[in-house]
Amino acid sequence: MKDLLIDTLKEFNYPIFLQGSLSEDEAYPDSFFTFWNNDTDGNEFYDNEEHSYIWDFDLNFYSNDPELVNTELLKAKELLKNKGFIVTGKGHDVASDEPTHTGRGIHVLKIER
């Protein structure tokens, strides 16, 4: 599912990083996505087995352009929904380690059967 998430976001032509993987001496790109897999719970238990999994991701978009922070994340939401991800709401603010960048995040789920 990580690959599907990344491949879907590649359509935006922004760098995509695992949250927290940029080193301290690495410059932030102008705009980029980060993601984090919070959990992958088993689901649909019968015959003492899991028959599906719920992938739970945080998806964030950071930019030095405050307008893009709002618009690109909502565009990503629509694209992800079209690929079968469950994405609700309009997101939330996320902290940035760089004073030049702001960020927005959204919760993303995907059911693997």
PDB file of N, CA and C in Angstrom:
ATOM      1  N   MET A   1       0.806  -1.192   0.000  1.00  0.00           N
ATOM      2  CA  MET A   1       0.000   0.000   0.000  1.00  0.00           C
ATOM      3  C   MET A   1       0.853   1.262   0.000  1.00  0.00           C
ATOM      4  N   LYS A   2       2.019   1.188   0.629  1.00  0.00           N
ATOM      5  CA  LYS A   2       2.908   2.346   0.581  1.00  0.00           C
ATOM      6  C   LYS A   2       3.246   2.689  -0.864  1.00  0.00           C
ATOM      7  N   ASP A   3       3.526   1.660  -1.652  1.00  0.00           N
ATOM      8  CA  ASP A   3       3.862   1.892  -3.064  1.00  0.00           C
ATOM      9  C   ASP A   3       2.701   2.532  -3.815  1.00  0.00           C
ATOM     10  N   LEU A   4       1.478   2.088  -3.539  1.00  0.00           N
ATOM     11  CA  LEU A   4       0.308   2.678  -4.197  1.00  0.00           C
ATOM     12  C   LEU A   4       0.147   4.138  -3.794  1.00  0.00           C
ATOM     13  N   LEU A   5       0.349   4.437  -2.523  1.00  0.00           N
ATOM     14  CA  LEU A   5       0.274   5.822  -2.050  1.00  0.00           C
ATOM     15  C   LEU A   5       1.321   6.679  -2.758  1.00  0.00           C
ATOM     16  N   ILE A   6       2.557   6.210  -2.775  1.00  0.00           N
ATOM     17  CA  ILE A   6       3.653   6.963  -3.402  1.00  0.00           C
ATOM     18  C   ILE A   6       3.409   7.117  -4.894  1.00  0.00           C
ATOM     19  N   ASP A   7       3.054   6.038  -5.570  1.00  0.00           N
ATOM     20  CA  ASP A   7       2.821   6.103  -7.019  1.00  0.00           C
ATOM     21  C   ASP A   7       1.691   7.075  -7.360  1.00  0.00           C
ATOM     22  N   THR A   8       0.661   7.113  -6.531  1.00  0.00           N
ATOM     23  CA  THR A   8      -0.445   8.039  -6.758  1.00  0.00           C
ATOM     24  C   THR A   8       0.026   9.480  -6.604  1.00  0.00           C
ATOM     25  N   LEU A   9       0.813   9.751  -5.570  1.00  0.00           N
ATOM     26  CA  LEU A   9       1.287  11.111  -5.325  1.00  0.00           C
ATOM     27  C   LEU A   9       2.313  11.577  -6.351  1.00  0.00           C
ATOM     28  N   LYS A  10       2.999  10.638  -7.009  1.00  0.00           N
ATOM     29  CA  LYS A  10       3.987  11.007  -8.027  1.00  0.00           C
ATOM     30  C   LYS A  10       3.366  11.817  -9.161  1.00  0.00           C
ATOM     31  N   GLU A  11       2.049  11.673  -9.357  1.00  0.00           N
ATOM     32  CA  GLU A  11       1.372  12.417 -10.418  1.00  0.00           C
ATOM     33  C   GLU A  11       1.478  13.933 -10.214  1.00  0.00           C
ATOM     34  N   PHE A  12       1.788  14.364  -8.998  1.00  0.00           N
ATOM     35  CA  PHE A  12       1.909  15.795  -8.700  1.00  0.00           C
ATOM     36  C   PHE A  12       3.302  16.355  -9.007  1.00  0.00           C
ATOM     37  N   ASN A  13       4.254  15.493  -9.255  1.00  0.00           N
ATOM     38  CA  ASN A  13       5.630  15.906  -9.566  1.00  0.00           C
ATOM     39  C   ASN A  13       6.311  16.682  -8.436  1.00  0.00           C
ATOM     40  N   TYR A  14       5.974  16.333  -7.194  1.00  0.00           N
ATOM     41  CA  TYR A  14       6.671  16.877  -6.027  1.00  0.00           C
ATOM     42  C   TYR A  14       7.462  15.746  -5.394  1.00  0.00           C
ATOM     43  N   PRO A  15       8.565  16.067  -4.731  1.00  0.00           N
ATOM     44  CA  PRO A  15       9.276  15.015  -3.987  1.00  0.00           C
ATOM     45  C   PRO A  15       8.369  14.423  -2.901  1.00  0.00           C
ATOM     46  N   ILE A  16       8.604  13.156  -2.576  1.00  0.00           N
ATOM     47  CA  ILE A  16       7.826  12.443  -1.556  1.00  0.00           C
ATOM     48  C   ILE A  16       8.828  11.792  -0.604  1.00  0.00           C
ATOM     49  N   PHE A  17       8.663  12.073   0.689  1.00  0.00           N
ATOM     50  CA  PHE A  17       9.584  11.551   1.694  1.00  0.00           C
ATOM     51  C   PHE A  17       8.821  10.859   2.811  1.00  0.00           C
ATOM     52  N   LEU A  18       9.458   9.885   3.427  1.00  0.00           N
ATOM     53  CA  LEU A  18       8.963   9.346   4.683  1.00  0.00           C
ATOM     54  C   LEU A  18       9.102  10.464   5.713  1.00  0.00           C
ATOM     55  N   GLN A  19       8.050  10.710   6.499  1.00  0.00           N
ATOM     56  CA  GLN A  19       8.072  11.797   7.475  1.00  0.00           C
ATOM     57  C   GLN A  19       9.298  11.665   8.371  1.00  0.00           C
ATOM     58  N   GLY A  20      10.039  12.758   8.530  1.00  0.00           N
ATOM     59  CA  GLY A  20      11.201  12.788   9.403  1.00  0.00           C
ATOM     60  C   GLY A  20      12.480  12.277   8.783  1.00  0.00           C
ATOM     61  N   SER A  21      12.473  11.955   7.493  1.00  0.00           N
ATOM     62  CA  SER A  21      13.661  11.358   6.887  1.00  0.00           C
ATOM     63  C   SER A  21      14.633  12.372   6.281  1.00  0.00           C
ATOM     64  N   LEU A  22      14.249  13.645   6.201  1.00  0.00           N
ATOM     65  CA  LEU A  22      15.188  14.664   5.721  1.00  0.00           C
ATOM     66  C   LEU A  22      16.211  14.939   6.822  1.00  0.00           C
ATOM     67  N   SER A  23      17.481  14.945   6.470  1.00  0.00           N
ATOM     68  CA  SER A  23      18.514  15.201   7.471  1.00  0.00           C
ATOM     69  C   SER A  23      18.558  16.695   7.809  1.00  0.00           C
ATOM     70  N   GLU A  24      19.154  17.015   8.946  1.00  0.00           N
ATOM     71  CA  GLU A  24      19.209  18.406   9.404  1.00  0.00           C
ATOM     72  C   GLU A  24      19.932  19.322   8.430  1.00  0.00           C
ATOM     73  N   ASP A  25      20.923  18.803   7.729  1.00  0.00           N
ATOM     74  CA  ASP A  25      21.691  19.648   6.806  1.00  0.00           C
ATOM     75  C   ASP A  25      21.157  19.627   5.376  1.00  0.00           C
ATOM     76  N   GLU A  26      20.056  18.912   5.152  1.00  0.00           N
ATOM     77  CA  GLU A  26      19.450  18.825   3.824  1.00  0.00           C
ATOM     78  C   GLU A  26      18.430  19.950   3.661  1.00  0.00           C
ATOM     79  N   ALA A  27      18.544  20.703   2.565  1.00  0.00           N
ATOM     80  CA  ALA A  27      17.610  21.798   2.311  1.00  0.00           C
ATOM     81  C   ALA A  27      16.233  21.271   1.944  1.00  0.00           C
ATOM     82  N   TYR A  28      15.209  21.949   2.445  1.00  0.00           N
ATOM     83  CA  TYR A  28      13.843  21.576   2.071  1.00  0.00           C
ATOM     84  C   TYR A  28      13.603  21.938   0.617  1.00  0.00           C
ATOM     85  N   PRO A  29      12.977  21.059  -0.155  1.00  0.00           N
ATOM     86  CA  PRO A  29      12.510  21.464  -1.483  1.00  0.00           C
ATOM     87  C   PRO A  29      11.451  22.556  -1.315  1.00  0.00           C
ATOM     88  N   ASP A  30      11.172  23.296  -2.377  1.00  0.00           N
ATOM     89  CA  ASP A  30      10.149  24.345  -2.286  1.00  0.00           C
ATOM     90  C   ASP A  30       8.812  23.784  -1.824  1.00  0.00           C
ATOM     91  N   SER A  31       8.419  22.636  -2.362  1.00  0.00           N
ATOM     92  CA  SER A  31       7.160  21.980  -2.009  1.00  0.00           C
ATOM     93  C   SER A  31       7.379  20.472  -2.039  1.00  0.00           C
ATOM     94  N   PHE A  32       6.747  19.745  -1.108  1.00  0.00           N
ATOM     95  CA  PHE A  32       6.927  18.295  -1.076  1.00  0.00           C
ATOM     96  C   PHE A  32       5.871  17.645  -0.192  1.00  0.00           C
ATOM     97  N   PHE A  33       5.672  16.335  -0.403  1.00  0.00           N
ATOM     98  CA  PHE A  33       4.800  15.512   0.416  1.00  0.00           C
ATOM     99  C   PHE A  33       5.640  14.683   1.381  1.00  0.00           C
ATOM    100  N   THR A  34       5.062  14.395   2.549  1.00  0.00           N
ATOM    101  CA  THR A  34       5.619  13.379   3.443  1.00  0.00           C
ATOM    102  C   THR A  34       4.464  12.453   3.855  1.00  0.00           C
ATOM    103  N   PHE A  35       4.818  11.240   4.244  1.00  0.00           N
ATOM    104  CA  PHE A  35       3.809  10.303   4.721  1.00  0.00           C
ATOM    105  C   PHE A  35       4.371   9.496   5.875  1.00  0.00           C
ATOM    106  N   TRP A  36       3.464   8.929   6.656  1.00  0.00           N
ATOM    107  CA  TRP A  36       3.837   8.062   7.768  1.00  0.00           C
ATOM    108  C   TRP A  36       2.761   7.001   7.921  1.00  0.00           C
ATOM    109  N   ASN A  37       3.159   5.746   7.997  1.00  0.00           N
ATOM    110  CA  ASN A  37       2.216   4.651   8.223  1.00  0.00           C
ATOM    111  C   ASN A  37       2.024   4.502   9.731  1.00  0.00           C
ATOM    112  N   ASN A  38       0.876   4.971  10.219  1.00  0.00           N
ATOM    113  CA  ASN A  38       0.585   4.928  11.657  1.00  0.00           C
ATOM    114  C   ASN A  38       0.368   3.515  12.163  1.00  0.00           C
ATOM    115  N   ASP A  39      -0.325   2.715  11.351  1.00  0.00           N
ATOM    116  CA  ASP A  39      -0.673   1.364  11.784  1.00  0.00           C
ATOM    117  C   ASP A  39      -1.217   0.589  10.587  1.00  0.00           C
ATOM    118  N   THR A  40      -1.195  -0.721  10.685  1.00  0.00           N
ATOM    119  CA  THR A  40      -1.828  -1.593   9.701  1.00  0.00           C
ATOM    120  C   THR A  40      -2.533  -2.699  10.482  1.00  0.00           C
ATOM    121  N   ASP A  41      -3.789  -2.427  10.820  1.00  0.00           N
ATOM    122  CA  ASP A  41      -4.569  -3.349  11.645  1.00  0.00           C
ATOM    123  C   ASP A  41      -5.198  -4.453  10.814  1.00  0.00           C
ATOM    124  N   GLY A  42      -5.296  -5.634  11.418  1.00  0.00           N
ATOM    125  CA  GLY A  42      -6.060  -6.720  10.819  1.00  0.00           C
ATOM    126  C   GLY A  42      -7.548  -6.433  10.947  1.00  0.00           C
ATOM    127  N   ASN A  43      -8.329  -6.997  10.039  1.00  0.00           N
ATOM    128  CA  ASN A  43      -9.764  -6.742  10.004  1.00  0.00           C
ATOM    129  C   ASN A  43     -10.462  -7.969   9.417  1.00  0.00           C
ATOM    130  N   GLU A  44     -11.763  -8.031   9.539  1.00  0.00           N
ATOM    131  CA  GLU A  44     -12.589  -9.104   8.983  1.00  0.00           C
ATOM    132  C   GLU A  44     -12.081 -10.476   9.455  1.00  0.00           C
ATOM    133  N   PHE A  45     -12.232 -10.709  10.749  1.00  0.00           N
ATOM    134  CA  PHE A  45     -11.789 -11.966  11.349  1.00  0.00           C
ATOM    135  C   PHE A  45     -12.879 -13.029  11.244  1.00  0.00           C
ATOM    136  N   TYR A  46     -12.559 -14.122  10.644  1.00  0.00           N
ATOM    137  CA  TYR A  46     -13.393 -15.319  10.702  1.00  0.00           C
ATOM    138  C   TYR A  46     -12.503 -16.517  10.450  1.00  0.00           C
ATOM    139  N   ASP A  47     -12.930 -17.663  10.919  1.00  0.00           N
ATOM    140  CA  ASP A  47     -12.101 -18.877  10.883  1.00  0.00           C
ATOM    141  C   ASP A  47     -10.740 -18.631  11.539  1.00  0.00           C
ATOM    142  N   ASN A  48     -10.757 -17.746  12.540  1.00  0.00           N
ATOM    143  CA  ASN A  48      -9.553 -17.451  13.309  1.00  0.00           C
ATOM    144  C   ASN A  48      -8.427 -16.840  12.469  1.00  0.00           C
ATOM    145  N   GLU A  49      -8.774 -16.138  11.390  1.00  0.00           N
ATOM    146  CA  GLU A  49      -7.790 -15.517  10.501  1.00  0.00           C
ATOM    147  C   GLU A  49      -8.209 -14.090  10.147  1.00  0.00           C
ATOM    148  N   GLU A  50      -7.245 -13.252   9.834  1.00  0.00           N
ATOM    149  CA  GLU A  50      -7.507 -11.914   9.307  1.00  0.00           C
ATOM    150  C   GLU A  50      -7.742 -12.050   7.803  1.00  0.00           C
ATOM    151  N   HIS A  51      -8.754 -11.359   7.305  1.00  0.00           N
ATOM    152  CA  HIS A  51      -9.050 -11.443   5.879  1.00  0.00           C
ATOM    153  C   HIS A  51      -8.934 -10.092   5.174  1.00  0.00           C
ATOM    154  N   SER A  52      -8.590  -9.074   5.923  1.00  0.00           N
ATOM    155  CA  SER A  52      -8.281  -7.777   5.326  1.00  0.00           C
ATOM    156  C   SER A  52      -7.439  -6.979   6.321  1.00  0.00           C
ATOM    157  N   TYR A  53      -6.869  -5.894   5.823  1.00  0.00           N
ATOM    158  CA  TYR A  53      -6.018  -5.032   6.635  1.00  0.00           C
ATOM    159  C   TYR A  53      -6.407  -3.590   6.367  1.00  0.00           C
ATOM    160  N   ILE A  54      -6.349  -2.787   7.408  1.00  0.00           N
ATOM    161  CA  ILE A  54      -6.626  -1.357   7.259  1.00  0.00           C
ATOM    162  C   ILE A  54      -5.309  -0.614   7.431  1.00  0.00           C
ATOM    163  N   TRP A  55      -4.844  -0.040   6.319  1.00  0.00           N
ATOM    164  CA  TRP A  55      -3.624   0.761   6.322  1.00  0.00           C
ATOM    165  C   TRP A  55      -3.992   2.183   6.715  1.00  0.00           C
ATOM    166  N   ASP A  56      -3.299   2.721   7.695  1.00  0.00           N
ATOM    167  CA  ASP A  56      -3.585   4.038   8.265  1.00  0.00           C
ATOM    168  C   ASP A  56      -2.347   4.923   8.054  1.00  0.00           C
ATOM    169  N   PHE A  57      -2.524   5.992   7.281  1.00  0.00           N
ATOM    170  CA  PHE A  57      -1.419   6.900   6.957  1.00  0.00           C
ATOM    171  C   PHE A  57      -1.731   8.330   7.384  1.00  0.00           C
ATOM    172  N   ASP A  58      -0.700   9.069   7.732  1.00  0.00           N
ATOM    173  CA  ASP A  58      -0.742  10.521   7.778  1.00  0.00           C
ATOM    174  C   ASP A  58      -0.071  11.006   6.508  1.00  0.00           C
ATOM    175  N   LEU A  59      -0.710  11.919   5.801  1.00  0.00           N
ATOM    176  CA  LEU A  59      -0.146  12.516   4.594  1.00  0.00           C
ATOM    177  C   LEU A  59      -0.021  14.011   4.834  1.00  0.00           C
ATOM    178  N   ASN A  60       1.168  14.547   4.605  1.00  0.00           N
ATOM    179  CA  ASN A  60       1.423  15.975   4.808  1.00  0.00           C
ATOM    180  C   ASN A  60       1.976  16.600   3.536  1.00  0.00           C
ATOM    181  N   PHE A  61       1.656  17.867   3.357  1.00  0.00           N
ATOM    182  CA  PHE A  61       2.223  18.635   2.250  1.00  0.00           C
ATOM    183  C   PHE A  61       2.823  19.903   2.837  1.00  0.00           C
ATOM    184  N   TYR A  62       4.083  20.162   2.493  1.00  0.00           N
ATOM    185  CA  TYR A  62       4.803  21.342   2.962  1.00  0.00           C
ATOM    186  C   TYR A  62       5.197  22.189   1.761  1.00  0.00           C
ATOM    187  N   SER A  63       5.204  23.504   1.971  1.00  0.00           N
ATOM    188  CA  SER A  63       5.605  24.388   0.883  1.00  0.00           C
ATOM    189  C   SER A  63       6.039  25.750   1.430  1.00  0.00           C
ATOM    190  N   ASN A  64       6.856  26.439   0.637  1.00  0.00           N
ATOM    191  CA  ASN A  64       7.176  27.829   0.960  1.00  0.00           C
ATOM    192  C   ASN A  64       6.136  28.766   0.336  1.00  0.00           C
ATOM    193  N   ASP A  65       5.128  28.201  -0.314  1.00  0.00           N
ATOM    194  CA  ASP A  65       4.009  28.942  -0.888  1.00  0.00           C
ATOM    195  C   ASP A  65       2.757  28.576  -0.090  1.00  0.00           C
ATOM    196  N   PRO A  66       2.286  29.464   0.811  1.00  0.00           N
ATOM    197  CA  PRO A  66       1.144  29.131   1.676  1.00  0.00           C
ATOM    198  C   PRO A  66      -0.124  28.738   0.913  1.00  0.00           C
ATOM    199  N   GLU A  67      -0.334  29.276  -0.272  1.00  0.00           N
ATOM    200  CA  GLU A  67      -1.523  28.925  -1.042  1.00  0.00           C
ATOM    201  C   GLU A  67      -1.478  27.464  -1.485  1.00  0.00           C
ATOM    202  N   LEU A  68      -0.297  27.001  -1.916  1.00  0.00           N
ATOM    203  CA  LEU A  68      -0.157  25.607  -2.351  1.00  0.00           C
ATOM    204  C   LEU A  68      -0.435  24.626  -1.220  1.00  0.00           C
ATOM    205  N   VAL A  69      -0.084  25.007   0.002  1.00  0.00           N
ATOM    206  CA  VAL A  69      -0.286  24.110   1.147  1.00  0.00           C
ATOM    207  C   VAL A  69      -1.752  23.699   1.241  1.00  0.00           C
ATOM    208  N   ASN A  70      -2.643  24.623   0.972  1.00  0.00           N
ATOM    209  CA  ASN A  70      -4.072  24.316   1.042  1.00  0.00           C
ATOM    210  C   ASN A  70      -4.584  23.643  -0.224  1.00  0.00           C
ATOM    211  N   THR A  71      -4.208  24.136  -1.379  1.00  0.00           N
ATOM    212  CA  THR A  71      -4.791  23.627  -2.625  1.00  0.00           C
ATOM    213  C   THR A  71      -4.259  22.256  -3.015  1.00  0.00           C
ATOM    214  N   GLU A  72      -2.968  22.008  -2.891  1.00  0.00           N
ATOM    215  CA  GLU A  72      -2.390  20.745  -3.355  1.00  0.00           C
ATOM    216  C   GLU A  72      -2.825  19.571  -2.488  1.00  0.00           C
ATOM    217  N   LEU A  73      -2.966  19.793  -1.193  1.00  0.00           N
ATOM    218  CA  LEU A  73      -3.398  18.700  -0.331  1.00  0.00           C
ATOM    219  C   LEU A  73      -4.829  18.273  -0.677  1.00  0.00           C
ATOM    220  N   LEU A  74      -5.689  19.229  -0.976  1.00  0.00           N
ATOM    221  CA  LEU A  74      -7.066  18.882  -1.346  1.00  0.00           C
ATOM    222  C   LEU A  74      -7.128  18.212  -2.714  1.00  0.00           C
ATOM    223  N   LYS A  75      -6.237  18.594  -3.632  1.00  0.00           N
ATOM    224  CA  LYS A  75      -6.158  17.895  -4.919  1.00  0.00           C
ATOM    225  C   LYS A  75      -5.697  16.454  -4.702  1.00  0.00           C
ATOM    226  N   ALA A  76      -4.733  16.276  -3.805  1.00  0.00           N
ATOM    227  CA  ALA A  76      -4.248  14.923  -3.489  1.00  0.00           C
ATOM    228  C   ALA A  76      -5.371  14.094  -2.882  1.00  0.00           C
ATOM    229  N   LYS A  77      -6.183  14.710  -2.042  1.00  0.00           N
ATOM    230  CA  LYS A  77      -7.320  14.008  -1.439  1.00  0.00           C
ATOM    231  C   LYS A  77      -8.223  13.425  -2.525  1.00  0.00           C
ATOM    232  N   GLU A  78      -8.575  14.226  -3.506  1.00  0.00           N
ATOM    233  CA  GLU A  78      -9.477  13.769  -4.563  1.00  0.00           C
ATOM    234  C   GLU A  78      -8.848  12.650  -5.397  1.00  0.00           C
ATOM    235  N   LEU A  79      -7.576  12.797  -5.721  1.00  0.00           N
ATOM    236  CA  LEU A  79      -6.894  11.759  -6.501  1.00  0.00           C
ATOM    237  C   LEU A  79      -6.826  10.449  -5.716  1.00  0.00           C
ATOM    238  N   LEU A  80      -6.494  10.534  -4.436  1.00  0.00           N
ATOM    239  CA  LEU A  80      -6.421   9.333  -3.600  1.00  0.00           C
ATOM    240  C   LEU A  80      -7.782   8.656  -3.479  1.00  0.00           C
ATOM    241  N   LYS A  81      -8.842   9.439  -3.330  1.00  0.00           N
ATOM    242  CA  LYS A  81     -10.189   8.860  -3.269  1.00  0.00           C
ATOM    243  C   LYS A  81     -10.503   8.112  -4.563  1.00  0.00           C
ATOM    244  N   ASN A  82     -10.096   8.674  -5.695  1.00  0.00           N
ATOM    245  CA  ASN A  82     -10.320   8.011  -6.986  1.00  0.00           C
ATOM    246  C   ASN A  82      -9.546   6.704  -7.102  1.00  0.00           C
ATOM    247  N   LYS A  83      -8.480   6.539  -6.306  1.00  0.00           N
ATOM    248  CA  LYS A  83      -7.675   5.309  -6.311  1.00  0.00           C
ATOM    249  C   LYS A  83      -8.113   4.341  -5.212  1.00  0.00           C
ATOM    250  N   GLY A  84      -9.245   4.628  -4.558  1.00  0.00           N
ATOM    251  CA  GLY A  84      -9.782   3.716  -3.564  1.00  0.00           C
ATOM    252  C   GLY A  84      -9.370   3.981  -2.129  1.00  0.00           C
ATOM    253  N   PHE A  85      -8.649   5.066  -1.880  1.00  0.00           N
ATOM    254  CA  PHE A  85      -8.295   5.423  -0.507  1.00  0.00           C
ATOM    255  C   PHE A  85      -9.494   6.098   0.151  1.00  0.00           C
ATOM    256  N   ILE A  86      -9.567   6.004   1.458  1.00  0.00           N
ATOM    257  CA  ILE A  86     -10.599   6.677   2.234  1.00  0.00           C
ATOM    258  C   ILE A  86      -9.949   7.916   2.831  1.00  0.00           C
ATOM    259  N   VAL A  87     -10.446   9.089   2.436  1.00  0.00           N
ATOM    260  CA  VAL A  87      -9.880  10.356   2.892  1.00  0.00           C
ATOM    261  C   VAL A  87     -11.053  11.275   3.230  1.00  0.00           C
ATOM    262  N   THR A  88     -11.144  11.697   4.473  1.00  0.00           N
ATOM    263  CA  THR A  88     -12.241  12.561   4.873  1.00  0.00           C
ATOM    264  C   THR A  88     -11.711  13.883   5.416  1.00  0.00           C
ATOM    265  N   GLY A  89     -12.554  14.880   5.411  1.00  0.00           N
ATOM    266  CA  GLY A  89     -12.187  16.175   5.969  1.00  0.00           C
ATOM    267  C   GLY A  89     -11.317  17.003   5.044  1.00  0.00           C
ATOM    268  N   LYS A  90     -10.882  18.148   5.570  1.00  0.00           N
ATOM    269  CA  LYS A  90     -10.044  19.068   4.798  1.00  0.00           C
ATOM    270  C   LYS A  90      -8.647  19.204   5.388  1.00  0.00           C
ATOM    271  N   GLY A  91      -8.339  18.364   6.368  1.00  0.00           N
ATOM    272  CA  GLY A  91      -6.984  18.347   6.896  1.00  0.00           C
ATOM    273  C   GLY A  91      -6.788  19.230   8.112  1.00  0.00           C
ATOM    274  N   HIS A  92      -5.528  19.358   8.497  1.00  0.00           N
ATOM    275  CA  HIS A  92      -5.129  20.091   9.693  1.00  0.00           C
ATOM    276  C   HIS A  92      -3.738  20.669   9.492  1.00  0.00           C
ATOM    277  N   ASP A  93      -3.410  21.698  10.255  1.00  0.00           N
ATOM    278  CA  ASP A  93      -2.079  22.285  10.191  1.00  0.00           C
ATOM    279  C   ASP A  93      -1.057  21.333  10.794  1.00  0.00           C
ATOM    280  N   VAL A  94       0.143  21.317  10.212  1.00  0.00           N
ATOM    281  CA  VAL A  94       1.246  20.541  10.779  1.00  0.00           C
ATOM    282  C   VAL A  94       2.464  21.447  10.932  1.00  0.00           C
ATOM    283  N   ALA A  95       3.232  21.188  11.956  1.00  0.00           N
ATOM    284  CA  ALA A  95       4.415  21.992  12.238  1.00  0.00           C
ATOM    285  C   ALA A  95       5.498  21.749  11.198  1.00  0.00           C
ATOM    286  N   SER A  96       6.282  22.771  10.955  1.00  0.00           N
ATOM    287  CA  SER A  96       7.419  22.673  10.040  1.00  0.00           C
ATOM    288  C   SER A  96       8.685  23.041  10.806  1.00  0.00           C
ATOM    289  N   ASP A  97       9.772  22.349  10.496  1.00  0.00           N
ATOM    290  CA  ASP A  97      11.056  22.652  11.122  1.00  0.00           C
ATOM    291  C   ASP A  97      11.733  23.858  10.489  1.00  0.00           C
ATOM    292  N   GLU A  98      11.204  24.334   9.383  1.00  0.00           N
ATOM    293  CA  GLU A  98      11.790  25.457   8.659  1.00  0.00           C
ATOM    294  C   GLU A  98      10.846  26.658   8.696  1.00  0.00           C
ATOM    295  N   PRO A  99      11.353  27.846   9.051  1.00  0.00           N
ATOM    296  CA  PRO A  99      10.476  29.028   9.110  1.00  0.00           C
ATOM    297  C   PRO A  99       9.956  29.453   7.733  1.00  0.00           C
ATOM    298  N   THR A 100      10.567  28.974   6.669  1.00  0.00           N
ATOM    299  CA  THR A 100      10.144  29.331   5.313  1.00  0.00           C
ATOM    300  C   THR A 100       8.971  28.503   4.821  1.00  0.00           C
ATOM    301  N   HIS A 101       8.651  27.418   5.521  1.00  0.00           N
ATOM    302  CA  HIS A 101       7.640  26.471   5.052  1.00  0.00           C
ATOM    303  C   HIS A 101       6.480  26.345   6.046  1.00  0.00           C
ATOM    304  N   THR A 102       5.296  26.145   5.497  1.00  0.00           N
ATOM    305  CA  THR A 102       4.133  25.778   6.303  1.00  0.00           C
ATOM    306  C   THR A 102       3.652  24.426   5.806  1.00  0.00           C
ATOM    307  N   GLY A 103       2.799  23.771   6.605  1.00  0.00           N
ATOM    308  CA  GLY A 103       2.351  22.444   6.222  1.00  0.00           C
ATOM    309  C   GLY A 103       0.907  22.192   6.589  1.00  0.00           C
ATOM    310  N   ARG A 104       0.343  21.241   5.874  1.00  0.00           N
ATOM    311  CA  ARG A 104      -1.019  20.773   6.121  1.00  0.00           C
ATOM    312  C   ARG A 104      -1.015  19.266   6.014  1.00  0.00           C
ATOM    313  N   GLY A 105      -1.826  18.616   6.844  1.00  0.00           N
ATOM    314  CA  GLY A 105      -1.872  17.167   6.831  1.00  0.00           C
ATOM    315  C   GLY A 105      -3.295  16.656   6.769  1.00  0.00           C
ATOM    316  N   ILE A 106      -3.403  15.385   6.375  1.00  0.00           N
ATOM    317  CA  ILE A 106      -4.714  14.736   6.285  1.00  0.00           C
ATOM    318  C   ILE A 106      -4.535  13.248   6.596  1.00  0.00           C
ATOM    319  N   HIS A 107      -5.594  12.663   7.095  1.00  0.00           N
ATOM    320  CA  HIS A 107      -5.592  11.249   7.472  1.00  0.00           C
ATOM    321  C   HIS A 107      -6.088  10.415   6.272  1.00  0.00           C
ATOM    322  N   VAL A 108      -5.368   9.347   5.953  1.00  0.00           N
ATOM    323  CA  VAL A 108      -5.674   8.524   4.784  1.00  0.00           C
ATOM    324  C   VAL A 108      -5.750   7.058   5.208  1.00  0.00           C
ATOM    325  N   LEU A 109      -6.797   6.372   4.783  1.00  0.00           N
ATOM    326  CA  LEU A 109      -6.957   4.939   5.065  1.00  0.00           C
ATOM    327  C   LEU A 109      -7.090   4.177   3.742  1.00  0.00           C
ATOM    328  N   LYS A 110      -6.648   2.931   3.759  1.00  0.00           N
ATOM    329  CA  LYS A 110      -6.826   2.053   2.593  1.00  0.00           C
ATOM    330  C   LYS A 110      -7.070   0.646   3.110  1.00  0.00           C
ATOM    331  N   ILE A 111      -8.112   0.015   2.604  1.00  0.00           N
ATOM    332  CA  ILE A 111      -8.429  -1.351   3.001  1.00  0.00           C
ATOM    333  C   ILE A 111      -7.829  -2.317   1.990  1.00  0.00           C
ATOM    334  N   GLU A 112      -7.025  -3.226   2.490  1.00  0.00           N
ATOM    335  CA  GLU A 112      -6.409  -4.275   1.660  1.00  0.00           C
ATOM    336  C   GLU A 112      -7.184  -5.567   1.883  1.00  0.00           C
ATOM    337  N   ARG A 113      -7.714  -6.110   0.807  1.00  0.00           N
ATOM    338  CA  ARG A 113      -8.464  -7.370   0.916  1.00  0.00           C
ATOM    339  C   ARG A 113      -7.731  -8.476   0.210  1.00  0.00           C
TER     340      ARG A 113
END
